Protein backbone atom coordinates (compact mmCIF):
# COMPACT_ATOMS: atom_id res chain seq x y z
CA MET A 1 0.00 0.00 0.00
CA ARG A 2 1.55 3.27 -1.13
CA SER A 3 0.67 6.67 0.30
CA VAL A 4 0.98 10.29 -0.77
CA LEU A 5 0.60 13.07 1.72
CA LEU A 6 1.40 16.63 0.65
CA VAL A 7 1.79 19.07 3.50
CA ILE A 8 -0.10 22.28 2.63
CA SER A 9 -3.56 23.98 3.21
CA ILE A 10 -6.70 25.34 1.45
CA ALA A 11 -10.43 26.17 1.87
CA LEU A 12 -12.88 24.02 3.83
CA PHE A 13 -16.32 22.92 2.65
CA THR A 14 -16.38 25.49 -0.14
CA ASN A 15 -16.95 24.48 -3.74
CA PHE A 16 -16.66 27.40 -6.08
CA PHE A 17 -19.26 28.66 -8.58
CA PRO A 18 -22.25 26.83 -10.11
CA LEU A 19 -24.38 26.95 -13.21
CA ALA A 20 -28.12 26.27 -13.21
CA TRP A 21 -29.94 23.17 -12.02
CA ALA A 22 -32.78 21.43 -13.81
CA ASP A 23 -35.29 19.26 -11.97
CA ASN A 24 -35.33 16.62 -14.70
CA LYS A 25 -37.83 13.82 -14.60
CA ALA A 26 -36.16 10.66 -13.38
CA ILE A 27 -37.62 7.63 -15.12
CA TYR A 28 -37.39 4.35 -13.23
CA LEU A 29 -38.37 2.07 -16.08
CA SER A 30 -38.30 -1.22 -14.21
CA ASN A 31 -41.03 0.08 -11.90
CA GLU A 32 -43.31 1.48 -14.60
CA ARG A 33 -43.82 -1.21 -17.23
CA PRO A 34 -42.64 -4.71 -18.10
CA LEU A 35 -40.03 -4.73 -20.86
CA ASP A 36 -38.15 -7.35 -22.82
CA LEU A 37 -34.90 -6.16 -21.29
CA THR A 38 -32.76 -9.04 -22.53
CA SER A 39 -33.14 -7.77 -26.09
CA LEU A 40 -31.54 -4.45 -25.29
CA TRP A 41 -27.93 -5.37 -24.51
CA LYS A 42 -26.23 -8.71 -24.71
CA SER A 43 -23.12 -7.68 -22.77
CA PHE A 44 -21.41 -4.78 -21.08
CA GLY A 45 -18.83 -2.58 -22.74
CA ASP A 46 -18.62 0.36 -25.08
CA ASP A 47 -19.86 -1.59 -28.13
CA GLN A 48 -21.54 1.05 -30.25
CA SER A 49 -23.92 -1.45 -31.81
CA GLU A 50 -25.37 -2.06 -28.35
CA ILE A 51 -25.63 1.70 -27.76
CA GLN A 52 -27.48 2.08 -31.07
CA GLU A 53 -29.88 -0.66 -30.07
CA MET A 54 -30.51 1.16 -26.79
CA THR A 55 -31.19 4.36 -28.73
CA LYS A 56 -33.93 2.54 -30.65
CA GLN A 57 -35.50 1.37 -27.39
CA LEU A 58 -35.28 4.92 -26.08
CA LYS A 59 -37.62 5.99 -28.88
CA ASP A 60 -39.85 2.90 -29.17
CA GLU A 61 -40.41 2.10 -25.49
CA PHE A 62 -39.96 5.39 -23.65
CA GLY A 63 -41.61 7.75 -26.10
CA PHE A 64 -38.55 9.99 -26.41
CA SER A 65 -38.78 10.70 -30.12
CA THR A 66 -36.85 13.96 -30.46
CA PRO A 67 -35.20 13.95 -33.92
CA GLY A 68 -31.52 13.24 -33.85
CA ALA A 69 -31.54 11.51 -30.45
CA SER A 70 -28.74 9.02 -29.84
CA LEU A 71 -26.86 7.51 -26.93
CA HIS A 72 -23.10 7.43 -26.41
CA PHE A 73 -21.03 5.39 -23.96
CA PHE A 74 -20.47 7.31 -20.71
CA GLY A 75 -18.93 4.81 -18.28
CA THR A 76 -19.40 1.71 -16.15
CA GLN A 77 -19.59 1.09 -12.41
CA GLN A 78 -19.50 -2.22 -10.58
CA THR A 79 -20.15 -3.28 -7.01
CA PRO A 80 -20.76 -6.77 -5.65
CA GLY A 81 -23.92 -8.11 -7.28
CA LEU A 82 -24.54 -5.23 -9.69
CA LYS A 83 -22.98 -3.81 -12.84
CA THR A 84 -24.13 -0.53 -14.38
CA LEU A 85 -23.45 0.81 -17.87
CA LYS A 86 -24.24 4.50 -18.37
CA ALA A 87 -24.98 6.15 -21.74
CA GLU A 88 -25.28 9.89 -22.38
CA LEU A 89 -28.05 11.42 -24.48
CA PHE A 90 -27.06 13.44 -27.57
CA ILE A 91 -29.37 15.49 -29.79
CA SER A 92 -28.06 15.97 -33.35
CA GLY A 93 -24.56 15.28 -32.10
CA ILE A 94 -24.81 17.71 -29.14
CA PRO A 95 -24.61 16.22 -25.60
CA VAL A 96 -27.39 17.00 -23.11
CA HIS A 97 -25.80 17.77 -19.73
CA GLY A 98 -26.82 15.25 -17.07
CA ALA A 99 -29.13 13.23 -19.35
CA LEU A 100 -28.02 9.65 -18.77
CA LEU A 101 -29.68 6.31 -19.36
CA SER A 102 -28.29 3.42 -17.31
CA LYS A 103 -28.57 -0.33 -17.72
CA HIS A 104 -28.22 -2.27 -14.47
CA THR A 105 -27.30 -5.96 -14.72
CA PHE A 106 -27.64 -8.07 -11.58
CA ASP A 107 -25.76 -11.28 -10.81
CA SER A 108 -29.05 -13.13 -11.25
CA GLY A 109 -29.01 -12.11 -14.92
CA THR A 110 -31.97 -9.73 -14.63
CA HIS A 111 -31.82 -6.15 -15.88
CA SER A 112 -33.36 -2.81 -15.03
CA PHE A 113 -33.03 0.69 -16.42
CA THR A 114 -33.00 4.16 -14.92
CA GLY A 115 -32.57 7.49 -16.60
CA ASP A 116 -32.88 11.27 -16.61
CA MET A 117 -34.94 12.30 -19.61
CA PRO A 118 -35.12 16.06 -20.29
CA SER A 119 -37.90 18.02 -21.91
CA SER A 120 -38.25 17.47 -25.66
CA ASN A 121 -38.09 21.26 -26.15
CA PHE A 122 -34.61 21.97 -27.54
CA SER A 123 -33.41 25.37 -28.74
CA GLU A 124 -31.93 25.73 -32.21
CA ALA A 125 -28.58 24.02 -32.69
CA THR A 126 -26.77 26.94 -34.33
CA PRO A 127 -25.13 29.26 -31.78
CA LYS A 128 -25.13 33.04 -32.23
CA ILE A 129 -22.04 33.39 -30.00
CA THR A 130 -18.88 32.15 -31.71
CA PRO A 131 -16.30 30.01 -29.91
CA SER A 132 -13.80 32.90 -29.90
CA GLN A 133 -16.40 35.23 -28.37
CA ALA A 134 -17.19 32.63 -25.72
CA LEU A 135 -13.49 32.28 -24.93
CA ALA A 136 -13.11 36.05 -24.56
CA ILE A 137 -16.03 36.16 -22.12
CA SER A 138 -14.82 33.14 -20.13
CA SER A 139 -11.27 34.50 -19.82
CA LEU A 140 -12.49 36.82 -17.06
CA TYR A 141 -13.20 33.76 -14.90
CA SER A 142 -9.85 31.96 -15.16
CA THR A 143 -6.27 32.66 -16.16
CA ASN A 144 -5.47 28.95 -16.42
CA PRO A 145 -4.73 27.26 -19.76
CA ILE A 146 -7.65 25.93 -21.79
CA ARG A 147 -7.99 22.15 -21.48
CA SER A 148 -9.81 21.80 -24.80
CA ALA A 149 -11.77 23.79 -27.36
CA PRO A 150 -15.20 25.12 -26.24
CA VAL A 151 -17.83 22.37 -26.32
CA LEU A 152 -21.42 22.96 -27.39
CA LYS A 153 -23.98 21.37 -25.04
CA TYR A 154 -27.65 21.47 -24.22
CA LEU A 155 -28.31 22.51 -20.61
CA PRO A 156 -31.78 21.89 -19.14
CA SER A 157 -33.32 25.12 -17.83
CA SER A 158 -34.03 25.64 -14.13
CA ASP A 159 -37.72 24.86 -14.64
CA ALA A 160 -36.93 21.83 -16.86
CA ALA A 161 -39.24 23.27 -19.54
CA ARG A 162 -36.57 23.64 -22.21
CA ASN A 163 -32.97 22.85 -23.05
CA ASP A 164 -30.71 25.83 -23.75
CA LEU A 165 -27.71 25.74 -26.04
CA VAL A 166 -24.53 26.64 -24.12
CA TRP A 167 -20.78 26.82 -24.61
CA TRP A 168 -18.94 24.72 -22.00
CA ILE A 169 -15.34 25.93 -21.59
CA ASP A 170 -12.91 23.86 -19.54
CA TYR A 171 -9.82 25.44 -17.99
CA ARG A 172 -7.37 22.87 -16.64
CA SER A 173 -5.67 23.00 -13.23
CA THR A 174 -2.16 24.38 -13.01
CA ASP A 175 -1.61 23.60 -9.33
CA VAL A 176 -3.63 22.99 -6.19
CA GLU A 177 -4.36 26.68 -5.69
CA ASN A 178 -5.44 27.19 -9.29
CA PRO A 179 -7.98 24.40 -9.73
CA GLY A 180 -9.74 23.71 -12.97
CA THR A 181 -12.74 25.87 -13.86
CA GLN A 182 -15.62 25.17 -16.22
CA VAL A 183 -17.36 28.30 -17.49
CA ILE A 184 -20.86 27.94 -18.97
CA ILE A 185 -22.09 30.59 -21.40
CA ASN A 186 -25.46 30.85 -23.14
CA ALA A 187 -24.58 30.25 -26.80
CA MET A 188 -27.40 32.49 -28.03
CA SER A 189 -27.10 35.53 -25.74
CA GLY A 190 -23.55 35.36 -24.36
CA GLN A 191 -24.80 35.47 -20.77
CA VAL A 192 -22.55 33.70 -18.26
CA ILE A 193 -24.77 31.12 -16.59
CA GLY A 194 -22.10 30.21 -14.06
CA SER A 195 -18.77 28.55 -13.48
CA LEU A 196 -17.84 25.34 -11.72
CA SER A 197 -14.60 24.73 -9.87
CA SER A 198 -12.84 21.43 -9.26
CA LEU A 199 -12.20 22.62 -5.70
CA HIS A 200 -14.31 20.92 -3.03
CA THR A 201 -14.06 22.30 0.47
CA VAL A 202 -14.55 20.37 3.79
CA LYS A 203 -4.08 3.01 -0.23
CA GLU A 204 -1.36 4.66 -1.48
CA THR A 205 0.15 7.70 0.03
CA LYS A 206 3.04 10.11 -0.36
CA VAL A 207 3.62 12.92 2.08
CA TYR A 208 5.13 16.37 1.59
CA ASN A 209 5.80 18.79 4.45
CA ALA A 210 5.73 22.47 3.47
CA HIS A 211 5.64 23.86 6.98
CA GLU A 212 8.72 26.08 6.90
CA SER A 213 9.12 26.09 3.15
CA GLY A 214 8.24 28.89 0.79
CA ILE A 215 8.06 32.63 0.40
CA ALA A 216 5.39 35.27 0.91
CA ILE A 217 4.31 37.88 -1.57
CA GLY A 218 2.84 41.28 -0.69
CA PHE A 219 1.53 43.49 -3.49
CA THR A 220 2.22 47.24 -3.69
CA ALA A 221 -0.24 49.80 -5.05
CA SER A 222 0.16 51.73 -8.28
CA SER A 223 1.52 55.25 -7.71
CA GLY A 224 -1.16 57.74 -6.80
CA LYS A 225 -3.98 55.27 -7.36
CA ALA A 226 -5.97 53.42 -4.76
CA PRO A 227 -6.48 49.77 -5.71
CA VAL A 228 -10.04 48.46 -5.95
CA ARG A 229 -11.52 45.35 -4.43
CA ALA A 230 -11.99 42.47 -6.82
CA SER A 231 -15.63 41.81 -7.69
CA ARG A 232 -17.65 39.51 -9.93
CA ASP A 233 -16.64 41.55 -12.96
CA VAL A 234 -13.06 42.37 -11.91
CA ARG A 235 -10.87 39.29 -11.52
CA SER A 236 -7.56 38.92 -9.70
CA ILE A 237 -4.63 36.73 -10.68
CA ARG A 238 -6.31 33.72 -9.09
CA SER A 239 -9.22 34.91 -6.95
CA ALA A 240 -10.43 37.73 -4.76
CA SER A 241 -8.61 36.23 -1.76
CA ILE A 242 -5.13 37.31 -2.89
CA ARG A 243 -4.29 40.40 -0.91
CA GLY A 244 -1.33 42.73 -0.69
CA LEU A 245 0.25 45.10 1.79
CA LEU A 246 -0.23 48.81 1.16
CA GLU A 247 3.04 49.47 2.91
CA GLU A 248 5.50 47.59 5.07
CA GLY A 249 4.14 47.08 8.57
CA SER A 250 0.66 48.26 7.66
CA LYS A 251 -2.28 46.20 8.73
CA ARG A 252 -4.44 47.59 5.92
CA TYR A 253 -4.80 45.15 3.07
CA PHE A 254 -6.28 45.28 -0.39
CA ASN A 255 -7.30 42.78 -3.04
CA ILE A 256 -5.45 42.88 -6.33
CA GLY A 257 -7.71 44.89 -8.61
CA PHE A 258 -7.88 44.33 -12.35
CA LYS A 259 -9.44 46.68 -14.88
CA GLN A 260 -11.29 45.06 -17.76
CA LEU A 261 -10.14 46.56 -21.07
CA ARG A 262 -12.30 46.86 -24.19
CA ASP A 263 -10.64 43.88 -25.86
CA ASN A 264 -11.50 41.69 -22.84
CA ARG A 265 -7.91 41.72 -21.52
CA VAL A 266 -7.33 42.74 -17.92
CA GLN A 267 -4.79 45.19 -16.51
CA PRO A 268 -3.60 45.00 -12.89
CA GLU A 269 -3.99 48.06 -10.69
CA VAL A 270 -0.79 47.25 -8.80
CA ASP A 271 2.75 47.98 -9.92
CA GLY A 272 4.79 45.39 -8.04
CA CYS A 273 5.24 43.19 -5.03
CA ASP A 274 7.48 42.54 -2.07
CA ILE A 275 9.03 39.11 -1.68
CA LEU A 276 9.23 38.06 1.96
CA GLU A 277 10.95 35.14 3.66
CA LEU A 278 9.81 33.50 6.86
CA VAL A 279 11.91 34.30 9.94
CA ASP A 280 11.57 32.39 13.23
CA ASN A 281 8.59 30.53 11.78
CA GLN A 282 6.20 33.48 12.27
CA LYS A 283 7.74 36.73 11.01
CA TRP A 284 8.18 37.87 7.43
CA LYS A 285 11.25 39.76 6.23
CA ILE A 286 11.23 41.64 2.90
CA THR A 287 14.12 40.36 0.80
CA ARG A 288 13.30 41.60 -2.72
CA LYS A 289 11.01 44.01 -4.55
CA LEU A 290 9.68 43.03 -7.98
CA LYS A 291 7.76 44.66 -10.81
CA ILE A 292 4.29 43.29 -11.51
CA ASP A 293 5.37 41.07 -14.45
CA ASP A 294 8.00 39.43 -12.25
CA CYS A 295 5.41 39.04 -9.48
CA VAL A 296 3.13 37.12 -11.84
CA ALA A 297 6.10 35.06 -13.07
CA THR A 298 6.90 34.20 -9.45
CA ILE A 299 3.34 33.07 -8.74
CA LYS A 300 3.36 30.87 -11.84
CA GLY A 301 6.81 29.48 -11.01
CA LYS A 302 8.34 30.89 -14.18
CA ASN A 303 11.31 32.71 -12.64
CA GLU A 304 14.08 31.67 -10.26
CA ILE A 305 12.15 32.60 -7.13
CA GLY A 306 8.94 30.84 -8.06
CA ALA A 307 10.68 27.83 -9.58
CA LYS A 308 12.50 27.02 -6.33
CA ALA A 309 9.67 27.76 -3.89
CA CYS A 310 7.76 24.94 -2.22
CA GLN A 311 4.80 27.26 -1.74
CA ILE A 312 4.06 30.94 -2.22
CA ILE A 313 1.99 32.45 0.57
CA SER A 314 -0.09 35.61 0.71
CA ALA A 315 1.61 38.00 3.15
CA ALA A 316 -1.80 39.48 3.89
CA ASP A 317 -3.82 36.54 5.16
CA GLY A 318 -1.48 33.54 5.22
CA SER A 319 -3.32 31.63 2.48
CA PHE A 320 -1.16 29.91 -0.09
CA ILE A 321 -1.07 31.26 -3.63
CA SER A 322 0.70 28.33 -5.27
CA ILE A 323 2.39 25.06 -4.34
CA THR A 324 5.09 23.01 -6.05
CA PRO A 325 5.24 19.64 -4.22
CA PRO A 326 8.61 18.52 -5.71
CA ASN A 327 10.18 21.53 -3.97
CA CYS A 328 8.71 20.52 -0.60
CA GLU A 329 10.12 18.08 1.91
CA VAL A 330 8.91 14.53 1.34
CA TYR A 331 7.48 13.21 4.59
CA ALA A 332 6.56 9.62 3.76
CA VAL A 333 6.37 7.25 0.80
CA ASP A 334 4.42 4.00 0.86
CA GLY A 335 3.83 4.39 4.58
CA LYS A 336 7.53 4.73 5.37
CA VAL A 337 8.55 8.00 7.02
CA VAL A 338 11.57 9.51 5.28
CA GLY A 339 11.31 13.14 6.45
CA HIS A 340 11.42 14.97 9.74
CA PRO A 341 8.83 13.85 12.31
CA ASP A 342 5.63 15.87 11.96
CA ALA A 343 2.36 15.28 13.84
CA SER A 344 0.13 16.83 11.14
CA ALA A 345 1.70 14.78 8.36
CA ASP A 346 1.37 11.67 10.49
CA ALA A 347 -2.31 12.41 11.16
CA ALA A 348 -2.99 13.05 7.49
CA THR A 349 -1.39 9.72 6.61
CA ASP A 350 -3.70 8.02 9.10
CA ASN A 351 -6.67 9.84 7.57
CA SER A 352 -5.79 8.63 4.07
CA ASN A 353 -5.44 5.08 5.34
CA ALA A 354 -8.79 5.30 7.13
CA VAL A 355 -10.56 6.46 3.96
CA TYR A 356 -8.88 3.81 1.80
CA GLU A 357 -9.63 0.99 4.23
CA TYR A 358 -13.24 2.04 4.74
CA PHE A 359 -14.22 2.01 1.06
CA SER A 360 -12.11 -1.08 0.39
CA ASP A 361 -13.35 -3.13 3.33
CA ARG A 362 -17.01 -2.11 3.10
CA PHE A 363 -17.56 -1.92 -0.65
CA GLY A 364 -14.51 -3.43 -2.34
CA ARG A 365 -13.66 -0.04 -3.84
CA ARG A 366 -9.92 0.51 -4.06
CA SER A 367 -9.14 4.18 -3.46
CA TYR A 368 -11.52 7.02 -4.29
CA ASP A 369 -11.82 6.13 -8.00
CA GLY A 370 -11.97 2.35 -7.72
CA THR A 371 -8.69 1.94 -9.64
CA ASN A 372 -6.34 2.10 -6.66
CA SER A 373 -5.15 5.63 -7.43
CA VAL A 374 -2.86 7.32 -4.95
CA LEU A 375 -4.61 9.15 -2.11
CA ARG A 376 -2.55 12.33 -1.95
CA SER A 377 -2.80 14.73 0.94
CA VAL A 378 -1.26 18.14 1.47
CA VAL A 379 -0.77 19.57 4.97
CA LYS A 380 0.36 22.85 6.48
CA VAL A 381 -0.21 25.00 3.45
CA GLY A 382 0.05 28.70 4.10
CA LEU A 383 0.57 30.17 7.54
CA GLY A 384 -2.22 29.88 10.09
CA PHE A 385 -4.67 28.98 7.32
CA ASN A 386 -8.15 27.91 8.49
CA ASN A 387 -9.40 25.41 5.96
CA ALA A 388 -9.23 22.04 4.15
CA ALA A 389 -10.48 20.82 0.77
CA TRP A 390 -10.51 18.21 -1.99
CA ILE A 391 -9.37 19.33 -5.46
CA SER A 392 -11.08 16.89 -7.78
CA ASP A 393 -9.14 17.10 -11.02
CA LEU A 394 -5.78 16.96 -9.23
CA GLY A 395 -6.84 14.28 -6.74
CA PHE A 396 -5.48 16.17 -3.72
CA MET A 397 -6.64 16.38 -0.13
CA VAL A 398 -5.28 19.59 1.41
CA TYR A 399 -5.25 20.67 5.04
CA GLY A 400 -4.83 23.98 6.83
CA PHE A 401 -2.90 24.07 10.08
CA GLY A 402 -5.28 26.61 11.62
CA ASP A 403 -4.34 29.93 13.16
CA GLY A 404 -4.13 28.43 16.66
CA GLU A 405 -6.56 31.02 17.97
CA ASN A 406 -9.88 30.54 16.22
CA MET A 407 -9.37 27.17 14.57
CA GLY A 408 -6.98 24.28 15.05
CA ASP A 409 -5.19 21.78 12.85
CA PHE A 410 -7.61 20.31 10.31
CA THR A 411 -5.72 17.01 10.09
CA LYS A 412 -7.08 16.15 13.54
CA LEU A 413 -10.62 15.65 12.22
CA VAL A 414 -11.15 12.35 10.42
CA ASP A 415 -14.73 13.31 9.52
CA ILE A 416 -13.49 16.33 7.54
CA ALA A 417 -10.86 14.22 5.75
CA GLY A 418 -13.48 11.57 5.01
CA HIS A 419 -15.91 14.22 3.76
CA GLU A 420 -13.38 15.74 1.37
CA MET A 421 -12.09 12.45 -0.04
CA THR A 422 -15.67 11.24 -0.51
CA HIS A 423 -15.97 14.07 -3.03
CA GLY A 424 -13.40 12.08 -5.00
CA VAL A 425 -15.72 9.06 -4.94
CA VAL A 426 -18.65 11.23 -6.07
CA ASP A 427 -16.57 12.83 -8.84
CA THR A 428 -15.71 9.39 -10.26
CA THR A 429 -19.20 7.87 -9.98
CA ALA A 430 -22.28 10.10 -10.00
CA LYS A 431 -20.38 13.23 -11.11
CA LEU A 432 -22.93 15.40 -9.31
CA THR A 433 -22.94 18.97 -10.58
CA MET A 434 -21.75 21.25 -7.80
CA MET A 435 -24.68 23.66 -7.64
CA ASP A 436 -28.18 23.89 -6.22
CA GLU A 437 -29.81 20.55 -5.36
CA PRO A 438 -27.25 18.26 -7.05
CA GLY A 439 -24.53 20.13 -5.15
CA ALA A 440 -26.48 19.71 -1.91
CA VAL A 441 -26.82 15.96 -2.61
CA ASN A 442 -23.05 15.90 -3.14
CA GLU A 443 -22.36 17.67 0.18
CA ALA A 444 -24.88 15.56 2.08
CA THR A 445 -23.31 12.34 0.82
CA ALA A 446 -19.81 13.59 1.67
CA ASP A 447 -20.97 14.48 5.20
CA TYR A 448 -22.60 11.08 5.63
CA PHE A 449 -19.61 9.00 4.57
CA GLY A 450 -17.21 11.33 6.38
CA LEU A 451 -18.96 10.45 9.62
CA GLN A 452 -19.04 6.72 8.82
CA ILE A 453 -15.29 6.80 8.18
CA SER A 454 -14.66 8.64 11.46
CA ARG A 455 -16.67 5.99 13.33
CA THR A 456 -18.29 8.59 15.55
CA ASN A 457 -21.88 8.14 16.62
CA ASN A 458 -22.88 11.73 17.34
CA TRP A 459 -23.70 12.71 13.72
CA ILE A 460 -21.84 16.01 14.12
CA MET A 461 -19.44 17.46 11.55
CA GLY A 462 -16.43 19.54 12.58
CA GLU A 463 -16.57 18.96 16.32
CA HIS A 464 -13.62 20.43 18.29
CA ILE A 465 -12.19 22.44 15.35
CA TYR A 466 -13.27 25.78 16.85
CA LEU A 467 -10.89 26.72 19.65
CA LYS A 468 -12.57 29.83 21.11
CA ASP A 469 -15.99 28.17 21.24
CA PRO A 470 -15.46 24.43 21.81
CA LYS A 471 -19.21 23.77 21.60
CA ARG A 472 -19.47 25.23 18.11
CA ILE A 473 -19.81 22.74 15.24
CA MET A 474 -20.09 22.91 11.46
CA ARG A 475 -23.21 20.84 10.80
CA SER A 476 -25.43 18.37 12.60
CA LEU A 477 -27.04 15.54 10.65
CA TRP A 478 -29.04 14.49 13.71
CA LYS A 479 -30.60 17.89 14.42
CA PRO A 480 -29.60 20.36 11.69
CA SER A 481 -31.62 23.23 13.16
CA ASP A 482 -29.30 23.32 16.18
CA VAL A 483 -26.74 25.06 13.94
CA ALA A 484 -27.25 28.57 12.58
CA ALA A 485 -26.49 29.28 8.92
CA VAL A 486 -25.25 32.82 8.34
CA TYR A 487 -24.96 34.45 4.92
CA MET A 488 -25.38 37.74 3.05
CA ASN A 489 -28.37 37.98 0.73
CA SER A 490 -28.36 39.67 -2.67
CA ARG A 491 -29.28 43.01 -1.01
CA GLY A 492 -26.22 42.89 1.23
CA GLU A 493 -28.22 42.03 4.34
CA LYS A 494 -26.92 39.55 6.91
CA VAL A 495 -29.30 36.61 7.28
CA THR A 496 -29.22 34.06 10.09
CA ARG A 497 -31.37 30.95 9.77
CA PRO A 498 -31.26 27.41 11.15
CA TYR A 499 -30.00 24.71 8.81
CA PRO A 500 -33.04 23.04 7.18
CA GLU A 501 -34.40 19.68 8.35
CA LYS A 502 -36.92 19.10 5.54
CA TYR A 503 -37.56 20.16 1.97
CA SER A 504 -40.07 22.91 2.78
CA GLN A 505 -37.29 24.70 4.70
CA LYS A 506 -34.95 24.75 1.68
CA PHE A 507 -32.86 27.91 1.21
CA ARG A 508 -33.68 29.62 -2.10
CA ILE A 509 -32.01 32.45 -3.99
CA ASP A 510 -33.79 35.77 -4.53
CA SER A 511 -35.73 36.40 -7.71
CA GLY A 512 -33.38 37.28 -10.56
CA GLU A 513 -30.31 36.05 -8.69
CA GLN A 514 -27.99 33.44 -10.21
CA CYS A 515 -26.19 30.58 -8.52
CA GLY A 516 -22.70 31.80 -7.65
CA GLY A 517 -19.98 31.98 -5.06
CA ASP A 518 -21.82 34.71 -3.16
CA ASN A 519 -24.75 32.39 -2.41
CA ASP A 520 -22.77 29.16 -2.00
CA ARG A 521 -23.82 28.11 -5.52
CA CYS A 522 -27.47 28.18 -4.49
CA PHE A 523 -26.77 27.01 -0.94
CA VAL A 524 -25.19 23.62 -1.58
CA HIS A 525 -23.82 23.38 1.98
CA PHE A 526 -26.84 24.82 3.79
CA ASN A 527 -29.40 22.69 1.92
CA SER A 528 -27.28 19.55 2.26
CA THR A 529 -28.81 18.85 5.67
CA ILE A 530 -32.20 18.12 4.06
CA LEU A 531 -30.83 14.90 2.58
CA SER A 532 -28.18 14.18 5.21
CA HIS A 533 -30.90 14.37 7.86
CA GLY A 534 -32.76 11.86 5.69
CA TYR A 535 -29.70 9.60 5.86
CA TRP A 536 -29.81 9.95 9.63
CA TRP A 537 -33.47 8.94 9.65
CA ILE A 538 -32.74 5.85 7.54
CA ASN A 539 -29.92 4.90 9.91
CA SER A 540 -32.19 5.36 12.93
CA LYS A 541 -34.62 2.83 11.42
CA LEU A 542 -32.25 0.35 9.76
CA GLY A 543 -28.92 0.68 11.55
CA LYS A 544 -25.47 1.49 10.24
CA SER A 545 -24.71 -1.45 7.94
CA LYS A 546 -27.93 -1.51 5.92
CA THR A 547 -27.92 2.27 5.57
CA GLU A 548 -24.33 2.31 4.29
CA ASP A 549 -25.15 -0.32 1.67
CA ILE A 550 -28.22 1.55 0.45
CA VAL A 551 -26.55 4.97 0.27
CA PHE A 552 -23.44 3.64 -1.49
CA ARG A 553 -25.50 1.69 -4.01
CA ALA A 554 -27.63 4.74 -4.76
CA LEU A 555 -24.51 6.90 -5.19
CA VAL A 556 -22.62 4.58 -7.51
CA HIS A 557 -25.46 3.21 -9.62
CA TYR A 558 -28.41 5.62 -9.48
CA TYR A 559 -27.20 9.15 -8.71
CA ARG A 560 -26.35 11.17 -11.83
CA PRO A 561 -25.07 14.70 -12.56
CA ASN A 562 -28.52 16.32 -12.27
CA THR A 563 -29.79 14.31 -9.29
CA GLY A 564 -31.72 16.59 -6.93
CA PHE A 565 -33.61 15.69 -3.75
CA LYS A 566 -36.55 14.09 -5.56
CA GLU A 567 -34.27 11.96 -7.73
CA ALA A 568 -32.11 11.06 -4.72
CA GLY A 569 -35.22 9.83 -2.92
CA LYS A 570 -36.13 7.61 -5.86
CA ALA A 571 -32.56 6.34 -6.10
CA LEU A 572 -32.42 5.42 -2.41
CA ARG A 573 -35.77 3.63 -2.63
CA GLN A 574 -34.59 1.74 -5.73
CA ALA A 575 -31.31 0.79 -4.02
CA CYS A 576 -33.32 -0.62 -1.12
CA VAL A 577 -35.52 -2.63 -3.49
CA ASP A 578 -32.39 -4.04 -5.11
CA LEU A 579 -30.98 -5.14 -1.78
CA HIS A 580 -34.07 -6.06 0.26
CA GLY A 581 -37.23 -5.74 -1.83
CA SER A 582 -38.19 -9.35 -2.51
CA ASN A 583 -36.96 -10.86 0.75
CA ASP A 584 -37.64 -8.04 3.21
CA PRO A 585 -40.18 -5.49 1.91
CA SER A 586 -40.62 -4.04 5.39
CA THR A 587 -37.10 -2.61 5.21
CA CYS A 588 -37.94 -0.52 2.16
CA LYS A 589 -41.12 0.67 3.82
CA LEU A 590 -38.96 2.06 6.62
CA VAL A 591 -36.70 3.79 4.07
CA ASP A 592 -39.77 5.39 2.52
CA GLU A 593 -40.96 6.58 5.93
CA ALA A 594 -37.53 8.00 6.75
CA LEU A 595 -37.39 10.01 3.53
CA ARG A 596 -40.94 11.27 3.97
CA ASN A 597 -39.85 12.66 7.33
CA VAL A 598 -37.68 15.13 5.40
CA GLU A 599 -40.32 15.60 2.66
CA ILE A 600 -38.36 13.74 -0.02
């Protein structure tokens, strides 16, 4: 068993930017009508002749007769007793986001089908916005390299009444602090619908320790010009959290401001930066002053300073700007410690092992993706940084060390580590879209498995991480309303509400507001307790083992990118039928009762 633990830090339980969610109709075919299922597919695999045969059944049996409809191989998942092949719906060669049809083959030889079928109302297939125009618009949301050319997709509208044509632009990750971003733009109007980040906040391993490694960077203002705060329309080098010092010793900070020029380029409103080195583990000493171009080159590791740095830290708030693991001290490889003793690195190694062993022992799933990929963790990023996260497209778990005053070391909480790495399982199975209800389903499932991995029985997330208020917690799956959710609404007003315990208490955005970072991508964390409380109810009726089996089966085989609360309820009920329906129907009645308690 190999291990990878990188010692750095990042943001907890925050997943950046969403798009728009569609409450698609989930069709559970095996429950609606008898079908000659054996004629559909003779075997599993990506055999296109089988996909074409399924496309014919899609039209003949399910009444989905939109011209140009076809199915394309999407992926397979397998757990003991069940194999699932997933196919994605295309209309005239254009993929429909989240529209999947799945064939489930049981060890008994029987088959069933589930699927998300969108409205048959599709907009015209010729975009008015060109790819180059879409790229120019999306460039304001990421400075990372483009992963591939813009992709044309259909995106179901929020009311599921139509399917809009959109450009889907994928920016690849450059490092753990510059995660991949997918920008979604209406292909007819040019409106930015939203952007999705590969960053998810709160057995092979390799460990890096970046504790005393790296430099800090403090930005200096342009002469005679006050810098502006970054906003939705004014983007910084990586995000609005990069800050700079107005002057040495000052405690006034500013965000790097960028002016948008007419040709869609951006111009920084700073003229340089100070390079600082860490002294006595807590104090920064200015060693060099650089012009803005050299500052950017440092951040991107393209000059001598940046190329040799383990991590580059914001002098303003202690968050890390970039990380280069090969420049950091290696702590452990394959479970063998080769670096200096470090309690955080040791704890993170234990966390990775706990996650690996849980999914392997309980479900036969090797690592987060089922292919025995390395579980990499990064600890002690930044200086006094209060957060932790999973970065999906890099496969990293990152931990903050805490500031020692408000929050402690995040490696000490197995439930948080389990939560974040479960996002890796979700990203390689259901691929739930991180916004609105699908994002809340994602967060709820991560909370649930995080607690199962931690083996605690109190159903509380983030216990003991707050130092000043030891009784404060992040979320409660047992009694969500015990925890207050605090946020700013679209009018700039502070709102305090209990976390919801049932669907009628769901947090909703204001009229005319879009899902975005300001509203937690339509409240993915706040609304997660609707479903996670439902998981608690199922556990209270069935016990730990049966509940784990049902939730994992629903996740791997029945959850899909657009799964909201309604679809999650159907998936959990179907998973129960698979496991207990014929032999123990009373069990599934209890699952139904549990979900009705949260109005799902």
